[in-house]
Amino acid sequence: MNLPVRKLVHILMGGFIFALPHLNLWQAAACALGAFLFNLFIFPRLLPGLLREKADPGVLIYPLSVLALILLFPDHEIHAALGWAAMAFGDGFAALIGPWLPVKRLPYNPGKSWGGLLAFVVAGTAGAWLVCGAFGVEAPLPVLLLVIGAAAVVETLPLPLSDNVSVPLFAAFASSLLLPVAQFQWPPAGQAGVALFSTLCVGTAGWLLKLVSPSGWAGGILVGTLIFAFASWQGFATLLAFFILATAFTFLGYRRKRALGIEQEGGGRRGAVHALANCFWGACLAMLIPSWPDAEGIRILFAAAFATALSDTSGSEIGKAFGRLAFLPWNLRRVPPGTEGAVSLEGLAASLAMPLALGAMLAWMGWISPLGAVVVGCAGFLGNLGESFLARLGPWNNEWLNFTNTVLGSGLGMLLWHLTR
């Protein structure tokens, strides 16, 4: 049977989410296990036309993922339910609508489209909102958009993992991280005005100095205003430190980079795509800072995203300028400088020193504790190392790899913060 019918079944199975509030842990787990056994032994005989092949793993992974969600969040069913909703409604509608929308394919994954990504966000957020209503949970719409939007990005990544695993687990853990924000708080109008004026001044100076392109000026204004408005001057200082250091490292040894053909395109000037790739996730996290119950935790999450971007840029640019030996960390094979995922000893030293320096700066300003500074530095370095392994998963657009890198680094920052407190 064709794809639309299979995906309609995939979506309709999400209707069972609304039974979860009326079941205890073991009843819910038993139902998920029963669904797995049904799909394994009975479903292929009743409706064989729905299967892509005789041993279709999708119909078996789906109930196993639901079972895993139920067992991972025994005391917080809402997180399991939102993970399930992302898989059923978001992923389901993305696969159903994406192929039929005349929208451009994603540059890093030709098998996915912008139309499918939009369908995931809209349908997934609507489903998440209904699920929260069924559970009696009040969740701000920006938080639900962030949870589902992040899961939508995960769904588009060329990962060697079924969407029925990566999407629900990521969405559930994102929900557990973000749902504590009980009420979204907007910044005062005066602070937003100061943020816009300050960012305009800095952005225009960067454009006049030919450090950013016109599109980079516009992207920087957007990101900078959001960060200053929600994260105050300390957050803006974090962004400014990243921009200044990243720009300096880009122009350091530029002649050698140009001779090797590995220099930053556009004469080193940063465009909007660079601003969004490295800073957009940080801007999203900045918007949660006034509302977050753990004040230092969300600041560390925010700072770790920029520490990862700084670690990546400094390590890459220093390695290209001064590195004598570039190699792949998973097999230690020597490769030409500038190879995606490659590292050098000089670059590794810079990629460790720079995030630690950023954390130290924030601790000196009193925004985070000394322990938080160490966490930020370690998360930035480890997140940057993770990029080398992410690069192995498929042909990546560099900007999307950088964006994913900041998400990974911030997640590691929160994990390390909880482990060290």
Protein backbone atom coordinates (compact mmCIF):
# COMPACT_ATOMS: atom_id res chain seq x y z
CA MET A 1 0.00 0.00 0.00
CA ASN A 2 1.21 3.52 -0.72
CA LEU A 3 3.00 5.95 1.58
CA PRO A 4 0.00 8.20 2.45
CA VAL A 5 -2.00 5.32 3.91
CA ARG A 6 0.92 4.05 5.97
CA LYS A 7 1.60 7.54 7.31
CA LEU A 8 -2.07 8.05 8.14
CA VAL A 9 -1.89 4.92 10.29
CA HIS A 10 1.33 6.29 11.83
CA ILE A 11 -0.49 9.53 12.70
CA LEU A 12 -3.69 7.88 13.93
CA MET A 13 -1.73 5.75 16.38
CA GLY A 14 -0.96 9.03 18.12
CA GLY A 15 -4.56 9.08 19.26
CA PHE A 16 -3.62 6.57 21.96
CA ILE A 17 -1.48 9.29 23.59
CA PHE A 18 -4.66 10.69 25.10
CA ALA A 19 -5.21 7.43 26.99
CA LEU A 20 -1.96 7.85 28.95
CA PRO A 21 -3.44 10.16 31.66
CA HIS A 22 -5.89 7.38 32.54
CA LEU A 23 -3.29 4.55 32.82
CA ASN A 24 -0.67 3.83 35.44
CA LEU A 25 2.93 3.03 34.51
CA TRP A 26 2.55 -0.71 34.18
CA GLN A 27 -0.74 -0.53 32.29
CA ALA A 28 0.80 1.88 29.78
CA ALA A 29 3.92 -0.28 29.43
CA ALA A 30 1.80 -3.40 28.95
CA CYS A 31 -0.20 -1.68 26.19
CA ALA A 32 3.01 -0.65 24.39
CA LEU A 33 4.40 -4.17 24.68
CA GLY A 34 1.10 -5.58 23.45
CA ALA A 35 1.26 -3.23 20.43
CA PHE A 36 4.76 -4.50 19.66
CA LEU A 37 3.62 -8.14 19.78
CA PHE A 38 0.57 -7.32 17.66
CA ASN A 39 2.74 -5.63 15.03
CA LEU A 40 5.19 -8.53 15.08
CA PHE A 41 2.77 -11.46 14.74
CA ILE A 42 -0.70 -10.27 13.71
CA PHE A 43 -0.41 -6.99 11.78
CA PRO A 44 1.59 -8.48 8.84
CA ARG A 45 -1.18 -11.04 8.27
CA LEU A 46 -4.09 -8.62 8.61
CA LEU A 47 -2.77 -5.77 6.47
CA PRO A 48 0.33 -6.96 4.58
CA GLY A 49 -0.07 -4.19 2.01
CA LEU A 50 0.85 -1.55 4.59
CA LEU A 51 4.35 -2.94 5.02
CA ARG A 52 7.23 -1.78 2.86
CA GLU A 53 8.75 -5.26 3.17
CA LYS A 54 8.01 -8.50 4.96
CA ALA A 55 10.12 -7.52 7.98
CA ASP A 56 9.31 -3.79 8.13
CA PRO A 57 11.32 -2.46 11.10
CA GLY A 58 9.29 0.77 11.33
CA VAL A 59 6.16 -0.91 12.67
CA LEU A 60 8.21 -2.65 15.36
CA ILE A 61 10.37 0.31 16.35
CA TYR A 62 7.33 2.57 16.85
CA PRO A 63 5.81 0.71 19.84
CA LEU A 64 9.28 -0.04 21.26
CA SER A 65 10.04 3.69 21.25
CA VAL A 66 6.76 4.36 23.05
CA LEU A 67 7.65 1.69 25.61
CA ALA A 68 11.08 3.26 26.11
CA LEU A 69 9.51 6.70 26.65
CA ILE A 70 7.10 5.32 29.24
CA LEU A 71 9.89 3.60 31.18
CA LEU A 72 12.31 6.54 30.93
CA PHE A 73 9.80 9.04 32.34
CA PRO A 74 7.77 7.04 34.87
CA ASP A 75 6.97 10.06 37.07
CA HIS A 76 6.59 12.61 34.27
CA GLU A 77 4.30 11.11 31.64
CA ILE A 78 3.91 14.47 29.91
CA HIS A 79 7.48 14.23 28.57
CA ALA A 80 6.83 10.73 27.20
CA ALA A 81 3.58 11.99 25.68
CA LEU A 82 5.25 14.96 23.97
CA GLY A 83 7.98 12.69 22.57
CA TRP A 84 5.28 10.41 21.20
CA ALA A 85 3.39 13.42 19.79
CA ALA A 86 6.50 14.62 17.95
CA MET A 87 6.87 11.18 16.37
CA ALA A 88 3.20 10.63 15.54
CA PHE A 89 2.06 14.08 14.45
CA GLY A 90 5.26 15.92 13.57
CA ASP A 91 7.15 13.15 11.80
CA GLY A 92 3.92 11.72 10.38
CA PHE A 93 2.73 14.93 8.74
CA ALA A 94 6.27 15.78 7.57
CA ALA A 95 6.42 12.51 5.62
CA LEU A 96 2.82 12.89 4.41
CA ILE A 97 2.94 16.52 3.27
CA GLY A 98 6.64 17.06 2.54
CA PRO A 99 6.76 15.13 -0.79
CA TRP A 100 3.73 16.98 -2.12
CA LEU A 101 4.81 20.56 -1.38
CA PRO A 102 6.77 22.29 -4.18
CA VAL A 103 9.35 23.58 -1.73
CA LYS A 104 13.13 23.47 -2.12
CA ARG A 105 15.01 20.47 -0.80
CA LEU A 106 17.21 20.90 2.26
CA PRO A 107 20.84 21.56 1.27
CA TYR A 108 22.29 19.04 3.73
CA ASN A 109 19.74 16.28 3.11
CA PRO A 110 18.13 16.13 -0.37
CA GLY A 111 15.69 13.52 0.91
CA LYS A 112 13.99 16.19 3.08
CA SER A 113 12.36 19.50 2.15
CA TRP A 114 11.55 22.84 3.74
CA GLY A 115 7.89 21.95 3.25
CA GLY A 116 8.27 18.80 5.31
CA LEU A 117 10.15 20.70 8.00
CA LEU A 118 7.37 23.30 8.18
CA ALA A 119 4.69 20.58 8.30
CA PHE A 120 6.53 18.91 11.18
CA VAL A 121 6.69 22.13 13.20
CA VAL A 122 3.05 23.15 12.60
CA ALA A 123 1.45 19.73 13.07
CA GLY A 124 3.81 18.69 15.86
CA THR A 125 3.23 21.89 17.83
CA ALA A 126 -0.53 21.62 17.40
CA GLY A 127 -0.42 18.01 18.59
CA ALA A 128 1.81 18.93 21.53
CA TRP A 129 -0.60 21.70 22.53
CA LEU A 130 -3.53 19.24 22.52
CA VAL A 131 -1.51 16.72 24.53
CA CYS A 132 -0.67 19.35 27.17
CA GLY A 133 -4.36 20.16 27.40
CA ALA A 134 -5.23 16.48 27.92
CA PHE A 135 -2.66 16.26 30.72
CA GLY A 136 -3.75 19.56 32.29
CA VAL A 137 -0.26 21.05 31.77
CA GLU A 138 0.11 24.72 30.94
CA ALA A 139 3.03 25.07 28.55
CA PRO A 140 3.91 28.39 26.87
CA LEU A 141 3.62 28.23 23.08
CA PRO A 142 7.25 29.42 22.56
CA VAL A 143 8.46 26.48 24.64
CA LEU A 144 6.41 23.97 22.64
CA LEU A 145 7.66 25.54 19.41
CA LEU A 146 11.25 25.19 20.61
CA VAL A 147 10.78 21.53 21.63
CA ILE A 148 9.05 20.53 18.40
CA GLY A 149 11.25 22.75 16.22
CA ALA A 150 14.41 21.17 17.62
CA ALA A 151 12.92 17.69 17.07
CA ALA A 152 12.02 18.71 13.51
CA VAL A 153 15.66 19.60 12.83
CA VAL A 154 16.75 16.23 14.27
CA GLU A 155 14.29 14.50 11.91
CA THR A 156 15.97 16.11 8.91
CA LEU A 157 19.53 15.14 9.87
CA PRO A 158 21.17 12.31 7.92
CA LEU A 159 21.58 10.16 11.02
CA PRO A 160 22.15 6.38 10.86
CA LEU A 161 19.15 5.96 13.16
CA SER A 162 15.42 5.50 12.59
CA ASP A 163 13.27 8.62 12.94
CA ASN A 164 11.05 6.54 15.21
CA VAL A 165 13.93 6.49 17.69
CA SER A 166 15.74 9.82 17.31
CA VAL A 167 12.66 12.06 17.12
CA PRO A 168 10.64 10.84 20.14
CA LEU A 169 13.65 10.46 22.43
CA PHE A 170 15.06 13.89 21.54
CA ALA A 171 11.67 15.58 21.89
CA ALA A 172 11.02 13.92 25.26
CA PHE A 173 14.38 14.95 26.67
CA ALA A 174 13.98 18.46 25.23
CA SER A 175 10.58 18.61 26.94
CA SER A 176 12.08 17.55 30.26
CA LEU A 177 14.64 20.32 29.85
CA LEU A 178 12.36 23.14 28.67
CA LEU A 179 8.94 22.45 30.19
CA PRO A 180 9.96 23.74 33.65
CA VAL A 181 9.54 27.20 32.11
CA ALA A 182 6.07 27.78 33.54
CA GLN A 183 5.48 31.24 32.07
CA PHE A 184 7.33 32.89 29.23
CA GLN A 185 8.53 36.38 30.14
CA TRP A 186 9.08 39.13 27.60
CA PRO A 187 11.76 41.77 28.27
CA PRO A 188 10.75 45.33 29.24
CA ALA A 189 10.25 47.66 26.29
CA GLY A 190 13.07 49.93 27.46
CA GLN A 191 15.55 47.07 27.58
CA ALA A 192 14.49 45.93 24.11
CA GLY A 193 15.07 49.45 22.80
CA VAL A 194 18.55 49.62 24.32
CA ALA A 195 19.26 46.19 22.86
CA LEU A 196 18.28 47.28 19.35
CA PHE A 197 20.26 50.53 19.53
CA SER A 198 23.41 48.83 20.89
CA THR A 199 23.26 46.06 18.32
CA LEU A 200 22.76 48.54 15.49
CA CYS A 201 25.89 50.42 16.60
CA VAL A 202 28.05 47.30 16.83
CA GLY A 203 26.66 45.78 13.64
CA THR A 204 27.17 48.96 11.65
CA ALA A 205 30.74 49.24 12.92
CA GLY A 206 31.39 45.68 11.75
CA TRP A 207 29.93 46.47 8.33
CA LEU A 208 31.98 49.67 7.94
CA LEU A 209 35.13 47.74 8.87
CA LYS A 210 34.19 45.15 6.21
CA LEU A 211 34.00 42.36 8.77
CA VAL A 212 30.45 41.41 7.83
CA SER A 213 28.47 41.47 4.60
CA PRO A 214 25.10 43.28 4.32
CA SER A 215 23.30 40.00 5.01
CA GLY A 216 25.64 39.40 7.95
CA TRP A 217 24.75 42.85 9.26
CA ALA A 218 21.03 41.99 9.14
CA GLY A 219 21.51 38.54 10.70
CA GLY A 220 23.72 39.98 13.41
CA ILE A 221 21.14 42.66 14.26
CA LEU A 222 18.44 40.01 14.68
CA VAL A 223 20.56 37.70 16.85
CA GLY A 224 22.19 40.49 18.85
CA THR A 225 18.93 42.26 19.66
CA LEU A 226 17.32 39.05 20.92
CA ILE A 227 20.32 38.18 23.06
CA PHE A 228 20.73 41.65 24.58
CA ALA A 229 16.98 42.00 25.22
CA PHE A 230 16.57 38.66 26.98
CA ALA A 231 20.07 37.94 28.37
CA SER A 232 21.06 41.54 29.24
CA TRP A 233 24.52 42.96 28.68
CA GLN A 234 26.32 39.86 29.93
CA GLY A 235 24.71 37.75 27.22
CA PHE A 236 25.54 40.40 24.63
CA ALA A 237 29.14 40.43 25.88
CA THR A 238 29.25 36.68 25.26
CA LEU A 239 28.09 37.20 21.68
CA LEU A 240 30.52 40.09 21.18
CA ALA A 241 33.47 38.09 22.54
CA PHE A 242 32.64 35.24 20.16
CA PHE A 243 32.37 37.59 17.18
CA ILE A 244 35.63 39.45 17.91
CA LEU A 245 37.67 36.30 18.56
CA ALA A 246 36.17 34.36 15.65
CA THR A 247 36.89 37.26 13.30
CA ALA A 248 40.45 37.64 14.58
CA PHE A 249 41.15 33.93 14.13
CA THR A 250 39.62 34.02 10.64
CA PHE A 251 42.09 36.71 9.48
CA LEU A 252 45.04 35.20 11.35
CA GLY A 253 47.37 33.58 8.82
CA TYR A 254 44.96 34.46 6.04
CA ARG A 255 47.65 34.49 3.34
CA ARG A 256 48.62 30.89 4.09
CA LYS A 257 44.97 29.82 4.14
CA ARG A 258 44.35 31.52 0.81
CA ALA A 259 47.42 29.90 -0.70
CA LEU A 260 46.11 26.49 0.36
CA GLY A 261 42.58 27.32 -0.83
CA ILE A 262 41.04 26.83 2.63
CA GLU A 263 40.31 30.46 3.55
CA GLN A 264 36.91 31.74 4.67
CA GLU A 265 34.84 32.60 1.61
CA GLY A 266 33.86 36.21 0.94
CA GLY A 267 37.26 37.55 1.89
CA GLY A 268 36.67 36.54 5.51
CA ARG A 269 33.49 38.59 5.83
CA ARG A 270 30.69 36.85 7.70
CA GLY A 271 27.22 36.60 6.18
CA ALA A 272 23.79 35.96 7.64
CA VAL A 273 24.18 32.21 7.18
CA HIS A 274 27.26 32.27 9.44
CA ALA A 275 25.50 34.37 12.08
CA LEU A 276 22.50 32.06 12.17
CA ALA A 277 24.52 28.84 12.05
CA ASN A 278 26.67 29.79 15.04
CA CYS A 279 24.36 32.03 17.07
CA PHE A 280 20.71 31.18 16.37
CA TRP A 281 20.52 28.38 18.95
CA GLY A 282 22.14 30.64 21.51
CA ALA A 283 19.56 33.33 20.72
CA CYS A 284 16.75 30.79 21.26
CA LEU A 285 18.21 29.85 24.65
CA ALA A 286 18.64 33.53 25.55
CA MET A 287 14.89 33.99 25.17
CA LEU A 288 14.37 31.47 28.00
CA ILE A 289 16.77 33.09 30.49
CA PRO A 290 14.20 35.39 32.22
CA SER A 291 11.74 32.50 32.61
CA TRP A 292 14.03 29.64 33.65
CA PRO A 293 13.74 28.37 37.23
CA ASP A 294 17.45 27.48 37.46
CA ALA A 295 19.08 30.86 36.71
CA GLU A 296 22.67 29.66 36.47
CA GLY A 297 21.70 26.46 34.65
CA ILE A 298 20.14 28.29 31.71
CA ARG A 299 23.07 30.73 31.58
CA ILE A 300 25.45 27.79 31.34
CA LEU A 301 23.28 26.24 28.63
CA PHE A 302 23.44 29.53 26.70
CA ALA A 303 27.17 30.08 27.25
CA ALA A 304 28.02 26.49 26.30
CA ALA A 305 26.44 27.01 22.87
CA PHE A 306 28.76 29.95 22.19
CA ALA A 307 31.72 28.18 23.78
CA THR A 308 31.21 25.31 21.34
CA ALA A 309 31.01 27.68 18.36
CA LEU A 310 34.14 29.49 19.57
CA SER A 311 35.97 26.21 20.14
CA ASP A 312 35.08 25.09 16.62
CA THR A 313 36.08 28.35 14.93
CA SER A 314 39.30 28.88 16.89
CA GLY A 315 40.43 25.28 16.50
CA SER A 316 39.66 25.26 12.79
CA GLU A 317 41.23 28.62 11.97
CA ILE A 318 44.32 28.15 14.16
CA GLY A 319 44.77 24.66 12.77
CA LYS A 320 44.56 25.94 9.18
CA ALA A 321 46.97 28.79 9.90
CA PHE A 322 49.60 26.99 11.99
CA GLY A 323 48.75 23.29 12.05
CA ARG A 324 51.54 21.06 10.76
CA LEU A 325 49.63 17.82 10.88
CA ALA A 326 45.88 17.43 10.31
CA PHE A 327 44.29 14.09 11.13
CA LEU A 328 40.91 12.45 11.66
CA PRO A 329 40.34 11.75 15.38
CA TRP A 330 38.46 8.46 14.88
CA ASN A 331 41.25 6.70 12.95
CA LEU A 332 44.25 9.10 13.31
CA ARG A 333 44.64 9.11 9.51
CA ARG A 334 46.48 12.12 8.13
CA VAL A 335 44.41 14.34 5.82
CA PRO A 336 44.88 17.72 4.07
CA PRO A 337 44.30 20.82 6.24
CA GLY A 338 40.74 22.06 6.05
CA THR A 339 39.19 18.58 5.70
CA GLU A 340 35.77 18.45 7.38
CA GLY A 341 36.11 16.83 10.80
CA ALA A 342 39.91 16.95 10.83
CA VAL A 343 41.89 18.29 13.81
CA SER A 344 45.50 19.25 14.55
CA LEU A 345 47.43 19.53 17.81
CA GLU A 346 47.65 23.32 17.44
CA GLY A 347 43.93 23.52 16.69
CA LEU A 348 43.04 21.24 19.61
CA ALA A 349 45.00 23.46 21.99
CA ALA A 350 43.11 26.53 20.78
CA SER A 351 39.75 24.75 20.85
CA LEU A 352 40.32 23.91 24.54
CA ALA A 353 41.76 27.27 25.62
CA MET A 354 39.14 29.52 24.02
CA PRO A 355 35.96 28.06 25.59
CA LEU A 356 37.70 27.99 28.97
CA ALA A 357 38.61 31.66 28.48
CA LEU A 358 35.00 32.49 27.61
CA GLY A 359 33.78 30.72 30.75
CA ALA A 360 36.39 32.56 32.83
CA MET A 361 35.21 35.89 31.42
CA LEU A 362 31.61 35.16 32.40
CA ALA A 363 32.71 34.07 35.89
CA TRP A 364 34.75 37.30 36.24
CA MET A 365 31.61 39.28 35.36
CA GLY A 366 29.74 37.37 38.09
CA TRP A 367 27.24 35.88 35.63
CA ILE A 368 28.18 32.26 36.41
CA SER A 369 30.19 30.58 39.16
CA PRO A 370 33.78 29.32 38.77
CA LEU A 371 32.39 25.78 38.57
CA GLY A 372 30.02 26.96 35.86
CA ALA A 373 32.98 28.43 33.97
CA VAL A 374 34.73 25.05 33.98
CA VAL A 375 31.54 23.36 32.81
CA VAL A 376 31.17 25.86 29.96
CA GLY A 377 34.78 25.33 28.86
CA CYS A 378 34.59 21.53 28.97
CA ALA A 379 31.20 21.43 27.22
CA GLY A 380 32.48 23.72 24.47
CA PHE A 381 35.55 21.58 23.87
CA LEU A 382 33.67 18.26 23.96
CA GLY A 383 30.91 19.64 21.75
CA ASN A 384 33.52 20.70 19.22
CA LEU A 385 35.08 17.23 19.25
CA GLY A 386 31.61 15.85 18.62
CA GLU A 387 31.51 17.75 15.33
CA SER A 388 34.33 15.60 13.99
CA PHE A 389 32.23 12.50 14.57
CA LEU A 390 29.02 14.12 13.29
CA ALA A 391 30.86 14.86 10.04
CA ARG A 392 31.17 11.10 9.46
CA LEU A 393 27.40 10.57 9.36
CA GLY A 394 26.92 11.91 5.86
CA PRO A 395 27.41 14.82 3.50
CA TRP A 396 26.73 17.86 5.67
CA ASN A 397 26.26 21.46 4.76
CA ASN A 398 28.92 23.20 6.90
CA GLU A 399 26.50 25.74 8.35
CA TRP A 400 24.03 23.08 9.46
CA LEU A 401 26.88 21.13 10.99
CA ASN A 402 27.86 24.24 12.95
CA PHE A 403 24.28 24.72 14.13
CA THR A 404 24.00 21.10 15.25
CA ASN A 405 27.33 21.50 16.99
CA THR A 406 26.02 24.37 19.16
CA VAL A 407 22.97 22.29 20.12
CA LEU A 408 25.23 19.39 21.10
CA GLY A 409 27.55 21.63 23.12
CA SER A 410 24.71 23.26 25.06
CA GLY A 411 23.21 19.85 25.83
CA LEU A 412 26.57 18.63 27.14
CA GLY A 413 26.79 21.79 29.23
CA MET A 414 23.49 21.09 30.94
CA LEU A 415 24.43 17.44 31.48
CA LEU A 416 27.78 18.35 33.05
CA TRP A 417 26.13 21.01 35.20
CA HIS A 418 23.68 18.51 36.66
CA LEU A 419 26.42 15.93 37.22
CA THR A 420 28.75 18.36 39.02
CA ARG A 421 26.30 20.19 41.28
